[in-house]
Amino acid sequence: MNKLDILNKQYNKWERTAYSFISSSNGVLEASDIVQEAYIKIVNTDKLDHIVNDEGKVNPSYMYLTIRSVATDYLRVNQRDTKRTNRLDEDENVFQLESVGYCEHSAKFNELIDKMNEEVNSWAWYDKQLFKLYKDTGFSMQKLSEETKISKTSIFTTLKNCKEKLLTVIGEDYYNYLRGI
């Protein structure tokens, strides 16, 4: 019996592990996809020997970490579809309410979004564009630096200042919104 077959004997256990990271109505299907992606990741990176030893014993910790990694990637990619999508164009608002679920009809939430848009639109062009890239791409500051050829220090400082500006303008309103006031 090869190592992949040994690993596959515990498929239901791995599926339950993946399911514990998912919170949606299609959780079982998504958990199955995550386990399959984890298998592919293991085979493609030649890590099967780390998970199943020569005696045929499975290292559950390594498999758990692999499933968690794949599930985290899956959630990061798919979360954009279920939460508010942020967009910035030259003449458009930064924050747009597209699909928010429980917040869709909240007047306070809409007021908060309007206030955020107003603040961001008052920023300098560079600040708006960098903020847009950071919000839209989901890149880390390091990756953003590599892609744009802007120093990581400049990106960090600009984004830090942008976040502080937003927090100054909407911080109290946001806190009240979260508290339901």
C-alpha atoms as a PDB file:
ATOM      1  CA  MET A   1       0.000   0.000   0.000  1.00  0.00           C
ATOM      2  CA  ASN A   2       1.482   3.357  -0.973  1.00  0.00           C
ATOM      3  CA  LYS A   3       1.682   6.341   1.356  1.00  0.00           C
ATOM      4  CA  LEU A   4      -1.119   8.268  -0.335  1.00  0.00           C
ATOM      5  CA  ASP A   5      -3.481   5.329   0.235  1.00  0.00           C
ATOM      6  CA  ILE A   6      -2.461   5.252   3.901  1.00  0.00           C
ATOM      7  CA  LEU A   7      -3.173   8.973   4.159  1.00  0.00           C
ATOM      8  CA  ASN A   8      -6.486   8.565   2.354  1.00  0.00           C
ATOM      9  CA  LYS A   9      -7.694   6.010   4.917  1.00  0.00           C
ATOM     10  CA  GLN A  10      -8.248   8.950   7.276  1.00  0.00           C
ATOM     11  CA  TYR A  11     -10.009  11.088   4.664  1.00  0.00           C
ATOM     12  CA  ASN A  12     -13.109  11.594   6.847  1.00  0.00           C
ATOM     13  CA  LYS A  13     -10.945  12.853   9.690  1.00  0.00           C
ATOM     14  CA  TRP A  14      -9.203  15.319   7.354  1.00  0.00           C
ATOM     15  CA  GLU A  15     -12.555  16.418   5.974  1.00  0.00           C
ATOM     16  CA  ARG A  16     -13.859  17.122   9.498  1.00  0.00           C
ATOM     17  CA  THR A  17     -10.681  19.083  10.199  1.00  0.00           C
ATOM     18  CA  ALA A  18     -11.201  21.167   7.057  1.00  0.00           C
ATOM     19  CA  TYR A  19     -14.887  21.625   7.905  1.00  0.00           C
ATOM     20  CA  SER A  20     -13.907  23.107  11.272  1.00  0.00           C
ATOM     21  CA  PHE A  21     -12.322  26.019   9.376  1.00  0.00           C
ATOM     22  CA  ILE A  22     -15.345  26.655   7.130  1.00  0.00           C
ATOM     23  CA  SER A  23     -18.523  28.402   8.188  1.00  0.00           C
ATOM     24  CA  SER A  24     -20.925  28.328   5.275  1.00  0.00           C
ATOM     25  CA  SER A  25     -23.875  26.387   3.965  1.00  0.00           C
ATOM     26  CA  ASN A  26     -21.662  24.527   1.473  1.00  0.00           C
ATOM     27  CA  GLY A  27     -19.162  23.635   4.185  1.00  0.00           C
ATOM     28  CA  VAL A  28     -19.092  19.889   3.453  1.00  0.00           C
ATOM     29  CA  LEU A  29     -18.408  20.412  -0.249  1.00  0.00           C
ATOM     30  CA  GLU A  30     -15.840  23.087   0.507  1.00  0.00           C
ATOM     31  CA  ALA A  31     -14.175  20.892   3.135  1.00  0.00           C
ATOM     32  CA  SER A  32     -13.868  18.116   0.568  1.00  0.00           C
ATOM     33  CA  ASP A  33     -12.299  20.564  -1.891  1.00  0.00           C
ATOM     34  CA  ILE A  34      -9.872  21.754   0.766  1.00  0.00           C
ATOM     35  CA  VAL A  35      -8.761  18.207   1.552  1.00  0.00           C
ATOM     36  CA  GLN A  36      -8.256  17.525  -2.148  1.00  0.00           C
ATOM     37  CA  GLU A  37      -6.216  20.724  -2.478  1.00  0.00           C
ATOM     38  CA  ALA A  38      -4.178  19.674   0.562  1.00  0.00           C
ATOM     39  CA  TYR A  39      -3.444  16.311  -1.080  1.00  0.00           C
ATOM     40  CA  ILE A  40      -2.377  18.090  -4.254  1.00  0.00           C
ATOM     41  CA  LYS A  41      -0.172  20.461  -2.263  1.00  0.00           C
ATOM     42  CA  ILE A  42       1.438  17.543  -0.438  1.00  0.00           C
ATOM     43  CA  VAL A  43       2.140  15.601  -3.631  1.00  0.00           C
ATOM     44  CA  ASN A  44       3.362  18.655  -5.579  1.00  0.00           C
ATOM     45  CA  THR A  45       5.791  19.660  -2.834  1.00  0.00           C
ATOM     46  CA  ASP A  46       7.020  16.105  -2.163  1.00  0.00           C
ATOM     47  CA  LYS A  47       5.985  16.332   1.502  1.00  0.00           C
ATOM     48  CA  LEU A  48       4.276  12.941   1.623  1.00  0.00           C
ATOM     49  CA  ASP A  49       7.320  11.472   3.393  1.00  0.00           C
ATOM     50  CA  HIS A  50       6.924  14.070   6.155  1.00  0.00           C
ATOM     51  CA  ILE A  51       3.302  13.130   6.727  1.00  0.00           C
ATOM     52  CA  VAL A  52       3.470   9.338   6.396  1.00  0.00           C
ATOM     53  CA  ASN A  53       6.610   7.701   7.732  1.00  0.00           C
ATOM     54  CA  ASP A  54       8.156   4.441   6.490  1.00  0.00           C
ATOM     55  CA  GLU A  55       6.229   2.451   9.115  1.00  0.00           C
ATOM     56  CA  GLY A  56       2.932   3.706   7.706  1.00  0.00           C
ATOM     57  CA  LYS A  57       2.096   6.054  10.576  1.00  0.00           C
ATOM     58  CA  VAL A  58       0.495   9.367   9.722  1.00  0.00           C
ATOM     59  CA  ASN A  59       1.724  12.580  11.349  1.00  0.00           C
ATOM     60  CA  PRO A  60      -1.618  14.254  12.154  1.00  0.00           C
ATOM     61  CA  SER A  61       0.013  17.547  13.174  1.00  0.00           C
ATOM     62  CA  TYR A  62       1.648  18.033   9.792  1.00  0.00           C
ATOM     63  CA  MET A  63      -1.586  17.152   8.012  1.00  0.00           C
ATOM     64  CA  TYR A  64      -3.530  19.548  10.258  1.00  0.00           C
ATOM     65  CA  LEU A  65      -1.135  22.387   9.430  1.00  0.00           C
ATOM     66  CA  THR A  66      -1.376  21.638   5.713  1.00  0.00           C
ATOM     67  CA  ILE A  67      -5.183  21.608   5.816  1.00  0.00           C
ATOM     68  CA  ARG A  68      -5.210  24.800   7.866  1.00  0.00           C
ATOM     69  CA  SER A  69      -2.928  26.499   5.352  1.00  0.00           C
ATOM     70  CA  VAL A  70      -5.096  25.471   2.396  1.00  0.00           C
ATOM     71  CA  ALA A  71      -8.296  26.441   4.245  1.00  0.00           C
ATOM     72  CA  THR A  72      -6.871  29.840   5.140  1.00  0.00           C
ATOM     73  CA  ASP A  73      -5.955  30.471   1.503  1.00  0.00           C
ATOM     74  CA  TYR A  74      -9.394  29.306   0.421  1.00  0.00           C
ATOM     75  CA  LEU A  75     -11.160  31.596   2.887  1.00  0.00           C
ATOM     76  CA  ARG A  76      -8.987  34.572   1.997  1.00  0.00           C
ATOM     77  CA  VAL A  77      -9.832  34.200  -1.688  1.00  0.00           C
ATOM     78  CA  ASN A  78     -13.542  33.471  -1.231  1.00  0.00           C
ATOM     79  CA  GLN A  79     -14.203  35.959   1.556  1.00  0.00           C
ATOM     80  CA  ARG A  80     -14.061  38.829  -0.940  1.00  0.00           C
ATOM     81  CA  ASP A  81     -17.300  37.539  -2.480  1.00  0.00           C
ATOM     82  CA  THR A  82     -19.263  37.537   0.778  1.00  0.00           C
ATOM     83  CA  LYS A  83     -18.105  40.762   2.366  1.00  0.00           C
ATOM     84  CA  ARG A  84     -18.060  44.388   1.352  1.00  0.00           C
ATOM     85  CA  THR A  85     -15.957  44.942  -1.748  1.00  0.00           C
ATOM     86  CA  ASN A  86     -13.737  47.985  -1.609  1.00  0.00           C
ATOM     87  CA  ARG A  87     -12.905  49.792  -4.802  1.00  0.00           C
ATOM     88  CA  LEU A  88     -11.186  53.012  -5.685  1.00  0.00           C
ATOM     89  CA  ASP A  89     -11.260  54.604  -9.076  1.00  0.00           C
ATOM     90  CA  GLU A  90     -10.294  58.092 -10.026  1.00  0.00           C
ATOM     91  CA  ASP A  91     -13.867  59.383  -9.867  1.00  0.00           C
ATOM     92  CA  GLU A  92     -15.518  56.731  -7.715  1.00  0.00           C
ATOM     93  CA  ASN A  93     -15.846  56.031  -4.040  1.00  0.00           C
ATOM     94  CA  VAL A  94     -13.343  53.859  -2.237  1.00  0.00           C
ATOM     95  CA  PHE A  95     -15.868  51.872  -0.262  1.00  0.00           C
ATOM     96  CA  GLN A  96     -18.909  50.574  -2.051  1.00  0.00           C
ATOM     97  CA  LEU A  97     -21.647  48.471  -0.566  1.00  0.00           C
ATOM     98  CA  GLU A  98     -22.044  45.544  -2.947  1.00  0.00           C
ATOM     99  CA  SER A  99     -22.829  42.415  -0.979  1.00  0.00           C
ATOM    100  CA  VAL A 100     -22.783  42.673   2.763  1.00  0.00           C
ATOM    101  CA  GLY A 101     -25.427  40.263   3.982  1.00  0.00           C
ATOM    102  CA  TYR A 102     -26.553  41.297   7.438  1.00  0.00           C
ATOM    103  CA  CYS A 103     -25.532  44.965   6.946  1.00  0.00           C
ATOM    104  CA  GLU A 104     -27.284  45.487   3.628  1.00  0.00           C
ATOM    105  CA  HIS A 105     -30.128  47.618   4.994  1.00  0.00           C
ATOM    106  CA  SER A 106     -28.295  49.393   7.747  1.00  0.00           C
ATOM    107  CA  ALA A 107     -28.536  53.156   7.403  1.00  0.00           C
ATOM    108  CA  LYS A 108     -25.776  53.608   9.973  1.00  0.00           C
ATOM    109  CA  PHE A 109     -23.488  51.366   7.963  1.00  0.00           C
ATOM    110  CA  ASN A 110     -24.197  53.366   4.812  1.00  0.00           C
ATOM    111  CA  GLU A 111     -23.451  56.602   6.680  1.00  0.00           C
ATOM    112  CA  LEU A 112     -20.176  55.123   7.871  1.00  0.00           C
ATOM    113  CA  ILE A 113     -19.229  54.098   4.331  1.00  0.00           C
ATOM    114  CA  ASP A 114     -20.108  57.580   3.023  1.00  0.00           C
ATOM    115  CA  LYS A 115     -17.963  59.213   5.687  1.00  0.00           C
ATOM    116  CA  MET A 116     -15.048  56.907   4.832  1.00  0.00           C
ATOM    117  CA  ASN A 117     -15.400  57.683   1.119  1.00  0.00           C
ATOM    118  CA  GLU A 118     -15.490  61.397   1.796  1.00  0.00           C
ATOM    119  CA  GLU A 119     -12.307  61.163   3.863  1.00  0.00           C
ATOM    120  CA  VAL A 120     -10.392  59.020   1.363  1.00  0.00           C
ATOM    121  CA  ASN A 121     -11.443  61.251  -1.546  1.00  0.00           C
ATOM    122  CA  SER A 122      -9.870  64.209   0.252  1.00  0.00           C
ATOM    123  CA  TRP A 123      -6.444  62.537   0.251  1.00  0.00           C
ATOM    124  CA  ALA A 124      -3.586  63.230  -2.134  1.00  0.00           C
ATOM    125  CA  TRP A 125      -3.512  61.172  -5.333  1.00  0.00           C
ATOM    126  CA  TYR A 126      -0.553  59.006  -4.208  1.00  0.00           C
ATOM    127  CA  ASP A 127      -2.174  58.140  -0.877  1.00  0.00           C
ATOM    128  CA  LYS A 128      -5.477  57.209  -2.570  1.00  0.00           C
ATOM    129  CA  GLN A 129      -3.785  55.037  -5.195  1.00  0.00           C
ATOM    130  CA  LEU A 130      -1.549  53.209  -2.722  1.00  0.00           C
ATOM    131  CA  PHE A 131      -4.479  52.662  -0.377  1.00  0.00           C
ATOM    132  CA  LYS A 132      -6.505  51.321  -3.313  1.00  0.00           C
ATOM    133  CA  LEU A 133      -3.792  48.879  -4.323  1.00  0.00           C
ATOM    134  CA  TYR A 134      -3.384  47.641  -0.781  1.00  0.00           C
ATOM    135  CA  LYS A 135      -7.136  47.171  -0.238  1.00  0.00           C
ATOM    136  CA  ASP A 136      -7.955  45.680  -3.650  1.00  0.00           C
ATOM    137  CA  THR A 137      -5.064  43.304  -4.225  1.00  0.00           C
ATOM    138  CA  GLY A 138      -4.752  41.851  -0.747  1.00  0.00           C
ATOM    139  CA  PHE A 139      -0.972  41.916  -1.204  1.00  0.00           C
ATOM    140  CA  SER A 140       1.304  42.170   1.779  1.00  0.00           C
ATOM    141  CA  MET A 141       3.399  45.315   1.993  1.00  0.00           C
ATOM    142  CA  GLN A 142       6.422  43.297   0.862  1.00  0.00           C
ATOM    143  CA  LYS A 143       4.611  41.968  -2.208  1.00  0.00           C
ATOM    144  CA  LEU A 144       3.210  45.423  -2.976  1.00  0.00           C
ATOM    145  CA  SER A 145       6.728  46.816  -2.763  1.00  0.00           C
ATOM    146  CA  GLU A 146       8.024  44.195  -5.180  1.00  0.00           C
ATOM    147  CA  GLU A 147       5.173  44.758  -7.643  1.00  0.00           C
ATOM    148  CA  THR A 148       5.231  48.569  -7.619  1.00  0.00           C
ATOM    149  CA  LYS A 149       8.969  49.120  -7.064  1.00  0.00           C
ATOM    150  CA  ILE A 150       8.103  51.480  -4.194  1.00  0.00           C
ATOM    151  CA  SER A 151      10.168  51.054  -1.048  1.00  0.00           C
ATOM    152  CA  LYS A 152       8.579  49.021   1.688  1.00  0.00           C
ATOM    153  CA  THR A 153       9.265  51.837   4.148  1.00  0.00           C
ATOM    154  CA  SER A 154       7.356  54.318   1.989  1.00  0.00           C
ATOM    155  CA  ILE A 155       4.435  51.919   1.636  1.00  0.00           C
ATOM    156  CA  PHE A 156       4.382  51.205   5.357  1.00  0.00           C
ATOM    157  CA  THR A 157       4.520  54.884   6.313  1.00  0.00           C
ATOM    158  CA  THR A 158       1.866  55.923   3.797  1.00  0.00           C
ATOM    159  CA  LEU A 159      -0.558  53.151   4.766  1.00  0.00           C
ATOM    160  CA  LYS A 160       0.026  53.777   8.458  1.00  0.00           C
ATOM    161  CA  ASN A 161      -0.789  57.455   7.976  1.00  0.00           C
ATOM    162  CA  CYS A 162      -3.852  56.607   5.867  1.00  0.00           C
ATOM    163  CA  LYS A 163      -5.197  54.237   8.498  1.00  0.00           C
ATOM    164  CA  GLU A 164      -4.590  56.812  11.228  1.00  0.00           C
ATOM    165  CA  LYS A 165      -6.461  59.439   9.200  1.00  0.00           C
ATOM    166  CA  LEU A 166      -9.408  57.070   8.739  1.00  0.00           C
ATOM    167  CA  LEU A 167      -9.376  56.133  12.397  1.00  0.00           C
ATOM    168  CA  THR A 168      -9.349  59.791  13.412  1.00  0.00           C
ATOM    169  CA  VAL A 169     -12.315  60.625  11.201  1.00  0.00           C
ATOM    170  CA  ILE A 170     -14.509  57.553  11.664  1.00  0.00           C
ATOM    171  CA  GLY A 171     -13.078  55.843  14.754  1.00  0.00           C
ATOM    172  CA  GLU A 172     -15.792  56.888  17.183  1.00  0.00           C
ATOM    173  CA  ASP A 173     -18.581  56.348  14.648  1.00  0.00           C
ATOM    174  CA  TYR A 174     -17.244  52.897  13.834  1.00  0.00           C
ATOM    175  CA  TYR A 175     -16.985  51.991  17.506  1.00  0.00           C
ATOM    176  CA  ASN A 176     -20.576  53.150  18.061  1.00  0.00           C
ATOM    177  CA  TYR A 177     -21.707  51.186  15.007  1.00  0.00           C
ATOM    178  CA  LEU A 178     -20.128  48.012  16.388  1.00  0.00           C
ATOM    179  CA  ARG A 179     -21.798  48.585  19.742  1.00  0.00           C
ATOM    180  CA  GLY A 180     -25.139  49.163  18.020  1.00  0.00           C
ATOM    181  CA  ILE A 181     -25.502  52.757  19.156  1.00  0.00           C
END
